[in-house]
């Protein structure tokens, strides 16, 4: 099951954003990583079998405060 995880992460500078993307990309099962939000403070991760709790722990350890905003299932497009 493919899922979309949105997390709010305390990122004050460009270096913090880069580090957050690197940490999220290293997680197992991740197929897409991006940044959203007006203040560019939300990390979006799409993938299969990604553990949101472990991902949040890693971001807290390497970047700063992080909260899980939402976890939703991504439905495949019908052609």
PDB file of N, CA and C in Angstrom:
ATOM      1  N   UNK A   1       0.847  -1.173   0.000  1.00  0.00           N
ATOM      2  CA  UNK A   1       0.000   0.000   0.000  1.00  0.00           C
ATOM      3  C   UNK A   1       0.893   1.237   0.000  1.00  0.00           C
ATOM      4  N   UNK A   2       0.707   2.069  -0.995  1.00  0.00           N
ATOM      5  CA  UNK A   2       1.458   3.308  -1.102  1.00  0.00           C
ATOM      6  C   UNK A   2       0.802   4.352  -0.212  1.00  0.00           C
ATOM      7  N   UNK A   3       1.609   5.111   0.525  1.00  0.00           N
ATOM      8  CA  UNK A   3       1.045   6.098   1.423  1.00  0.00           C
ATOM      9  C   UNK A   3       1.787   7.430   1.302  1.00  0.00           C
ATOM     10  N   UNK A   4       1.061   8.496   1.631  1.00  0.00           N
ATOM     11  CA  UNK A   4       1.617   9.851   1.625  1.00  0.00           C
ATOM     12  C   UNK A   4       1.680  10.323   3.072  1.00  0.00           C
ATOM     13  N   UNK A   5       2.878  10.685   3.516  1.00  0.00           N
ATOM     14  CA  UNK A   5       3.092  11.138   4.881  1.00  0.00           C
ATOM     15  C   UNK A   5       3.501  12.607   4.829  1.00  0.00           C
ATOM     16  N   UNK A   6       2.771  13.447   5.569  1.00  0.00           N
ATOM     17  CA  UNK A   6       3.100  14.868   5.662  1.00  0.00           C
ATOM     18  C   UNK A   6       3.522  15.148   7.095  1.00  0.00           C
ATOM     19  N   UNK A   7       4.716  15.744   7.238  1.00  0.00           N
ATOM     20  CA  UNK A   7       5.247  16.050   8.566  1.00  0.00           C
ATOM     21  C   UNK A   7       5.656  17.511   8.632  1.00  0.00           C
ATOM     22  N   UNK A   8       5.343  18.135   9.748  1.00  0.00           N
ATOM     23  CA  UNK A   8       5.773  19.509   9.974  1.00  0.00           C
ATOM     24  C   UNK A   8       7.095  19.460  10.726  1.00  0.00           C
ATOM     25  N   UNK A   9       8.121  20.079  10.134  1.00  0.00           N
ATOM     26  CA  UNK A   9       9.469  20.029  10.690  1.00  0.00           C
ATOM     27  C   UNK A   9       9.981  21.454  10.879  1.00  0.00           C
ATOM     28  N   UNK A  10      10.633  21.702  11.995  1.00  0.00           N
ATOM     29  CA  UNK A  10      11.206  23.017  12.285  1.00  0.00           C
ATOM     30  C   UNK A  10      12.474  23.188  11.444  1.00  0.00           C
ATOM     31  N   UNK A  11      12.360  23.915  10.323  1.00  0.00           N
ATOM     32  CA  UNK A  11      13.498  24.143   9.427  1.00  0.00           C
ATOM     33  C   UNK A  11      13.658  25.653   9.241  1.00  0.00           C
ATOM     34  N   UNK A  12      14.718  26.198   9.789  1.00  0.00           N
ATOM     35  CA  UNK A  12      14.915  27.645   9.771  1.00  0.00           C
ATOM     36  C   UNK A  12      15.781  28.132   8.624  1.00  0.00           C
ATOM     37  N   UNK A  13      16.571  27.251   8.039  1.00  0.00           N
ATOM     38  CA  UNK A  13      17.482  27.674   6.975  1.00  0.00           C
ATOM     39  C   UNK A  13      17.497  26.630   5.854  1.00  0.00           C
ATOM     40  N   UNK A  14      18.158  26.977   4.776  1.00  0.00           N
ATOM     41  CA  UNK A  14      18.241  26.092   3.617  1.00  0.00           C
ATOM     42  C   UNK A  14      19.027  24.823   3.943  1.00  0.00           C
ATOM     43  N   UNK A  15      20.030  24.939   4.789  1.00  0.00           N
ATOM     44  CA  UNK A  15      20.826  23.773   5.187  1.00  0.00           C
ATOM     45  C   UNK A  15      19.951  22.763   5.932  1.00  0.00           C
ATOM     46  N   UNK A  16      19.059  23.258   6.795  1.00  0.00           N
ATOM     47  CA  UNK A  16      18.141  22.376   7.529  1.00  0.00           C
ATOM     48  C   UNK A  16      17.189  21.667   6.576  1.00  0.00           C
ATOM     49  N   UNK A  17      16.710  22.379   5.570  1.00  0.00           N
ATOM     50  CA  UNK A  17      15.798  21.778   4.579  1.00  0.00           C
ATOM     51  C   UNK A  17      16.497  20.666   3.807  1.00  0.00           C
ATOM     52  N   UNK A  18      17.729  20.923   3.402  1.00  0.00           N
ATOM     53  CA  UNK A  18      18.500  19.915   2.674  1.00  0.00           C
ATOM     54  C   UNK A  18      18.722  18.674   3.532  1.00  0.00           C
ATOM     55  N   UNK A  19      19.058  18.883   4.795  1.00  0.00           N
ATOM     56  CA  UNK A  19      19.304  17.761   5.717  1.00  0.00           C
ATOM     57  C   UNK A  19      18.029  16.951   5.927  1.00  0.00           C
ATOM     58  N   UNK A  20      16.879  17.646   6.057  1.00  0.00           N
ATOM     59  CA  UNK A  20      15.600  16.961   6.240  1.00  0.00           C
ATOM     60  C   UNK A  20      15.270  16.103   5.013  1.00  0.00           C
ATOM     61  N   UNK A  21      15.511  16.627   3.818  1.00  0.00           N
ATOM     62  CA  UNK A  21      15.253  15.858   2.599  1.00  0.00           C
ATOM     63  C   UNK A  21      16.175  14.646   2.510  1.00  0.00           C
ATOM     64  N   UNK A  22      17.431  14.807   2.908  1.00  0.00           N
ATOM     65  CA  UNK A  22      18.377  13.692   2.870  1.00  0.00           C
ATOM     66  C   UNK A  22      17.975  12.595   3.846  1.00  0.00           C
ATOM     67  N   UNK A  23      17.568  12.975   5.049  1.00  0.00           N
ATOM     68  CA  UNK A  23      17.156  11.986   6.050  1.00  0.00           C
ATOM     69  C   UNK A  23      15.918  11.239   5.566  1.00  0.00           C
ATOM     70  N   UNK A  24      14.946  11.972   4.998  1.00  0.00           N
ATOM     71  CA  UNK A  24      13.716  11.343   4.517  1.00  0.00           C
ATOM     72  C   UNK A  24      13.996  10.429   3.323  1.00  0.00           C
ATOM     73  N   UNK A  25      14.902  10.822   2.444  1.00  0.00           N
ATOM     74  CA  UNK A  25      15.206  10.025   1.250  1.00  0.00           C
ATOM     75  C   UNK A  25      15.901   8.718   1.605  1.00  0.00           C
ATOM     76  N   UNK A  26      16.635   8.681   2.716  1.00  0.00           N
ATOM     77  CA  UNK A  26      17.357   7.471   3.113  1.00  0.00           C
ATOM     78  C   UNK A  26      16.447   6.407   3.722  1.00  0.00           C
ATOM     79  N   UNK A  27      15.234   6.782   4.089  1.00  0.00           N
ATOM     80  CA  UNK A  27      14.317   5.822   4.701  1.00  0.00           C
ATOM     81  C   UNK A  27      13.942   4.736   3.693  1.00  0.00           C
ATOM     82  N   UNK A  28      13.700   3.556   4.199  1.00  0.00           N
ATOM     83  CA  UNK A  28      13.396   2.409   3.341  1.00  0.00           C
ATOM     84  C   UNK A  28      11.997   2.523   2.750  1.00  0.00           C
ATOM     85  N   UNK A  29      11.877   2.306   1.432  1.00  0.00           N
ATOM     86  CA  UNK A  29      10.587   2.295   0.760  1.00  0.00           C
ATOM     87  C   UNK A  29      10.137   3.634   0.211  1.00  0.00           C
ATOM     88  N   UNK A  30      10.941   4.681   0.348  1.00  0.00           N
ATOM     89  CA  UNK A  30      10.564   6.029  -0.096  1.00  0.00           C
ATOM     90  C   UNK A  30      10.755   6.148  -1.606  1.00  0.00           C
ATOM     91  N   UNK A  31       9.720   6.672  -2.301  1.00  0.00           N
ATOM     92  CA  UNK A  31       9.819   6.885  -3.737  1.00  0.00           C
ATOM     93  C   UNK A  31       9.794   8.367  -4.111  1.00  0.00           C
ATOM     94  N   UNK A  32       9.301   9.244  -3.219  1.00  0.00           N
ATOM     95  CA  UNK A  32       9.250  10.682  -3.486  1.00  0.00           C
ATOM     96  C   UNK A  32       9.420  11.442  -2.176  1.00  0.00           C
ATOM     97  N   UNK A  33      10.205  12.521  -2.225  1.00  0.00           N
ATOM     98  CA  UNK A  33      10.384  13.412  -1.076  1.00  0.00           C
ATOM     99  C   UNK A  33      10.274  14.843  -1.592  1.00  0.00           C
ATOM    100  N   UNK A  34       9.542  15.683  -0.859  1.00  0.00           N
ATOM    101  CA  UNK A  34       9.403  17.075  -1.256  1.00  0.00           C
ATOM    102  C   UNK A  34       9.091  17.965  -0.067  1.00  0.00           C
ATOM    103  N   UNK A  35       9.117  19.280  -0.331  1.00  0.00           N
ATOM    104  CA  UNK A  35       8.804  20.268   0.704  1.00  0.00           C
ATOM    105  C   UNK A  35       7.581  21.053   0.265  1.00  0.00           C
ATOM    106  N   UNK A  36       6.655  21.272   1.208  1.00  0.00           N
ATOM    107  CA  UNK A  36       5.411  21.997   0.944  1.00  0.00           C
ATOM    108  C   UNK A  36       5.231  23.098   1.968  1.00  0.00           C
ATOM    109  N   UNK A  37       4.173  23.880   1.772  1.00  0.00           N
ATOM    110  CA  UNK A  37       3.775  24.874   2.758  1.00  0.00           C
ATOM    111  C   UNK A  37       4.239  26.270   2.389  1.00  0.00           C
ATOM    112  N   UNK A  38       3.529  27.245   2.914  1.00  0.00           N
ATOM    113  CA  UNK A  38       3.887  28.638   2.668  1.00  0.00           C
ATOM    114  C   UNK A  38       5.255  28.978   3.234  1.00  0.00           C
ATOM    115  N   UNK A  39       5.554  28.443   4.387  1.00  0.00           N
ATOM    116  CA  UNK A  39       6.832  28.710   5.044  1.00  0.00           C
ATOM    117  C   UNK A  39       7.865  27.622   4.758  1.00  0.00           C
ATOM    118  N   UNK A  40       7.537  26.710   3.845  1.00  0.00           N
ATOM    119  CA  UNK A  40       8.403  25.576   3.483  1.00  0.00           C
ATOM    120  C   UNK A  40       8.820  24.798   4.728  1.00  0.00           C
ATOM    121  N   UNK A  41       7.817  24.468   5.548  1.00  0.00           N
ATOM    122  CA  UNK A  41       8.096  23.771   6.800  1.00  0.00           C
ATOM    123  C   UNK A  41       7.455  22.392   6.860  1.00  0.00           C
ATOM    124  N   UNK A  42       6.957  21.887   5.725  1.00  0.00           N
ATOM    125  CA  UNK A  42       6.341  20.564   5.705  1.00  0.00           C
ATOM    126  C   UNK A  42       7.101  19.663   4.740  1.00  0.00           C
ATOM    127  N   UNK A  43       7.443  18.479   5.228  1.00  0.00           N
ATOM    128  CA  UNK A  43       8.123  17.478   4.411  1.00  0.00           C
ATOM    129  C   UNK A  43       7.089  16.445   3.990  1.00  0.00           C
ATOM    130  N   UNK A  44       7.018  16.176   2.673  1.00  0.00           N
ATOM    131  CA  UNK A  44       6.084  15.200   2.124  1.00  0.00           C
ATOM    132  C   UNK A  44       6.877  13.993   1.650  1.00  0.00           C
ATOM    133  N   UNK A  45       6.466  12.812   2.110  1.00  0.00           N
ATOM    134  CA  UNK A  45       7.132  11.564   1.731  1.00  0.00           C
ATOM    135  C   UNK A  45       6.082  10.620   1.168  1.00  0.00           C
ATOM    136  N   UNK A  46       6.349  10.064  -0.017  1.00  0.00           N
ATOM    137  CA  UNK A  46       5.457   9.079  -0.626  1.00  0.00           C
ATOM    138  C   UNK A  46       6.259   7.802  -0.836  1.00  0.00           C
ATOM    139  N   UNK A  47       5.676   6.672  -0.432  1.00  0.00           N
ATOM    140  CA  UNK A  47       6.368   5.406  -0.608  1.00  0.00           C
ATOM    141  C   UNK A  47       5.573   4.243  -0.063  1.00  0.00           C
ATOM    142  N   UNK A  48       6.130   3.057  -0.248  1.00  0.00           N
ATOM    143  CA  UNK A  48       5.487   1.831   0.233  1.00  0.00           C
ATOM    144  C   UNK A  48       6.243   1.288   1.426  1.00  0.00           C
ATOM    145  N   UNK A  49       5.498   0.985   2.484  1.00  0.00           N
ATOM    146  CA  UNK A  49       6.097   0.390   3.664  1.00  0.00           C
ATOM    147  C   UNK A  49       6.942   1.342   4.486  1.00  0.00           C
ATOM    148  N   UNK A  50       6.707   2.644   4.356  1.00  0.00           N
ATOM    149  CA  UNK A  50       7.463   3.627   5.126  1.00  0.00           C
ATOM    150  C   UNK A  50       6.832   3.742   6.518  1.00  0.00           C
ATOM    151  N   UNK A  51       7.660   3.666   7.554  1.00  0.00           N
ATOM    152  CA  UNK A  51       7.170   3.787   8.921  1.00  0.00           C
ATOM    153  C   UNK A  51       7.223   5.261   9.344  1.00  0.00           C
ATOM    154  N   UNK A  52       6.063   5.906   9.505  1.00  0.00           N
ATOM    155  CA  UNK A  52       6.052   7.337   9.841  1.00  0.00           C
ATOM    156  C   UNK A  52       6.697   7.650  11.188  1.00  0.00           C
ATOM    157  N   UNK A  53       6.563   6.760  12.151  1.00  0.00           N
ATOM    158  CA  UNK A  53       7.126   7.010  13.483  1.00  0.00           C
ATOM    159  C   UNK A  53       8.655   6.988  13.431  1.00  0.00           C
ATOM    160  N   UNK A  54       9.223   5.998  12.762  1.00  0.00           N
ATOM    161  CA  UNK A  54      10.678   5.906  12.647  1.00  0.00           C
ATOM    162  C   UNK A  54      11.237   7.084  11.841  1.00  0.00           C
ATOM    163  N   UNK A  55      10.511   7.491  10.806  1.00  0.00           N
ATOM    164  CA  UNK A  55      10.928   8.631   9.994  1.00  0.00           C
ATOM    165  C   UNK A  55      10.938   9.911  10.829  1.00  0.00           C
ATOM    166  N   UNK A  56       9.923  10.089  11.657  1.00  0.00           N
ATOM    167  CA  UNK A  56       9.846  11.262  12.525  1.00  0.00           C
ATOM    168  C   UNK A  56      10.960  11.250  13.557  1.00  0.00           C
ATOM    169  N   UNK A  57      11.260  10.074  14.115  1.00  0.00           N
ATOM    170  CA  UNK A  57      12.363   9.962  15.079  1.00  0.00           C
ATOM    171  C   UNK A  57      13.687  10.378  14.443  1.00  0.00           C
ATOM    172  N   UNK A  58      13.911   9.917  13.212  1.00  0.00           N
ATOM    173  CA  UNK A  58      15.143  10.269  12.503  1.00  0.00           C
ATOM    174  C   UNK A  58      15.250  11.760  12.236  1.00  0.00           C
ATOM    175  N   UNK A  59      14.125  12.377  11.853  1.00  0.00           N
ATOM    176  CA  UNK A  59      14.130  13.814  11.603  1.00  0.00           C
ATOM    177  C   UNK A  59      14.361  14.597  12.892  1.00  0.00           C
ATOM    178  N   UNK A  60      13.776  14.146  13.987  1.00  0.00           N
ATOM    179  CA  UNK A  60      13.986  14.827  15.268  1.00  0.00           C
ATOM    180  C   UNK A  60      15.448  14.749  15.703  1.00  0.00           C
ATOM    181  N   UNK A  61      16.060  13.607  15.444  1.00  0.00           N
ATOM    182  CA  UNK A  61      17.443  13.403  15.857  1.00  0.00           C
ATOM    183  C   UNK A  61      18.410  14.244  15.018  1.00  0.00           C
ATOM    184  N   UNK A  62      18.170  14.332  13.711  1.00  0.00           N
ATOM    185  CA  UNK A  62      19.112  14.988  12.804  1.00  0.00           C
ATOM    186  C   UNK A  62      18.808  16.457  12.531  1.00  0.00           C
ATOM    187  N   UNK A  63      17.503  16.849  12.533  1.00  0.00           N
ATOM    188  CA  UNK A  63      17.132  18.202  12.099  1.00  0.00           C
ATOM    189  C   UNK A  63      16.591  19.047  13.245  1.00  0.00           C
ATOM    190  N   UNK A  64      15.546  18.574  13.894  1.00  0.00           N
ATOM    191  CA  UNK A  64      14.911  19.347  14.955  1.00  0.00           C
ATOM    192  C   UNK A  64      13.516  18.819  15.206  1.00  0.00           C
ATOM    193  N   UNK A  65      12.689  19.630  15.817  1.00  0.00           N
ATOM    194  CA  UNK A  65      11.340  19.210  16.177  1.00  0.00           C
ATOM    195  C   UNK A  65      10.538  18.822  14.934  1.00  0.00           C
ATOM    196  N   UNK A  66       9.839  17.688  15.000  1.00  0.00           N
ATOM    197  CA  UNK A  66       9.031  17.199  13.880  1.00  0.00           C
ATOM    198  C   UNK A  66       7.744  16.579  14.401  1.00  0.00           C
ATOM    199  N   UNK A  67       6.637  16.834  13.703  1.00  0.00           N
ATOM    200  CA  UNK A  67       5.332  16.270  14.038  1.00  0.00           C
ATOM    201  C   UNK A  67       4.719  15.650  12.796  1.00  0.00           C
ATOM    202  N   UNK A  68       4.025  14.532  12.973  1.00  0.00           N
ATOM    203  CA  UNK A  68       3.287  13.918  11.869  1.00  0.00           C
ATOM    204  C   UNK A  68       1.984  14.684  11.706  1.00  0.00           C
ATOM    205  N   UNK A  69       1.759  15.254  10.516  1.00  0.00           N
ATOM    206  CA  UNK A  69       0.531  15.998  10.235  1.00  0.00           C
ATOM    207  C   UNK A  69      -0.547  15.071   9.707  1.00  0.00           C
ATOM    208  N   UNK A  70      -0.193  14.234   8.707  1.00  0.00           N
ATOM    209  CA  UNK A  70      -1.183  13.311   8.157  1.00  0.00           C
ATOM    210  C   UNK A  70      -0.505  12.124   7.490  1.00  0.00           C
ATOM    211  N   UNK A  71      -1.233  11.009   7.486  1.00  0.00           N
ATOM    212  CA  UNK A  71      -0.822   9.806   6.768  1.00  0.00           C
ATOM    213  C   UNK A  71      -2.033   9.345   5.979  1.00  0.00           C
ATOM    214  N   UNK A  72      -1.937   9.387   4.649  1.00  0.00           N
ATOM    215  CA  UNK A  72      -3.064   8.999   3.794  1.00  0.00           C
ATOM    216  C   UNK A  72      -2.608   7.984   2.757  1.00  0.00           C
ATOM    217  N   UNK A  73      -3.558   7.210   2.282  1.00  0.00           N
ATOM    218  CA  UNK A  73      -3.281   6.221   1.246  1.00  0.00           C
ATOM    219  C   UNK A  73      -3.327   6.900  -0.113  1.00  0.00           C
ATOM    220  N   UNK A  74      -2.364   6.576  -0.972  1.00  0.00           N
ATOM    221  CA  UNK A  74      -2.320   7.119  -2.326  1.00  0.00           C
ATOM    222  C   UNK A  74      -2.963   6.088  -3.244  1.00  0.00           C
ATOM    223  N   UNK A  75      -4.025   6.489  -3.908  1.00  0.00           N
ATOM    224  CA  UNK A  75      -4.712   5.574  -4.815  1.00  0.00           C
ATOM    225  C   UNK A  75      -4.138   5.713  -6.211  1.00  0.00           C
ATOM    226  N   UNK A  76      -3.900   4.593  -6.904  1.00  0.00           N
ATOM    227  CA  UNK A  76      -3.338   4.662  -8.253  1.00  0.00           C
ATOM    228  C   UNK A  76      -4.324   5.287  -9.240  1.00  0.00           C
ATOM    229  N   UNK A  77      -3.775   5.970 -10.224  1.00  0.00           N
ATOM    230  CA  UNK A  77      -4.608   6.606 -11.247  1.00  0.00           C
ATOM    231  C   UNK A  77      -5.215   5.551 -12.158  1.00  0.00           C
ATOM    232  N   UNK A  78      -6.472   5.765 -12.521  1.00  0.00           N
ATOM    233  CA  UNK A  78      -7.125   4.857 -13.471  1.00  0.00           C
ATOM    234  C   UNK A  78      -6.875   5.375 -14.879  1.00  0.00           C
ATOM    235  N   UNK A  79      -6.504   4.457 -15.765  1.00  0.00           N
ATOM    236  CA  UNK A  79      -6.236   4.851 -17.155  1.00  0.00           C
ATOM    237  C   UNK A  79      -7.278   4.290 -18.085  1.00  0.00           C
TER     238      UNK A  79
END
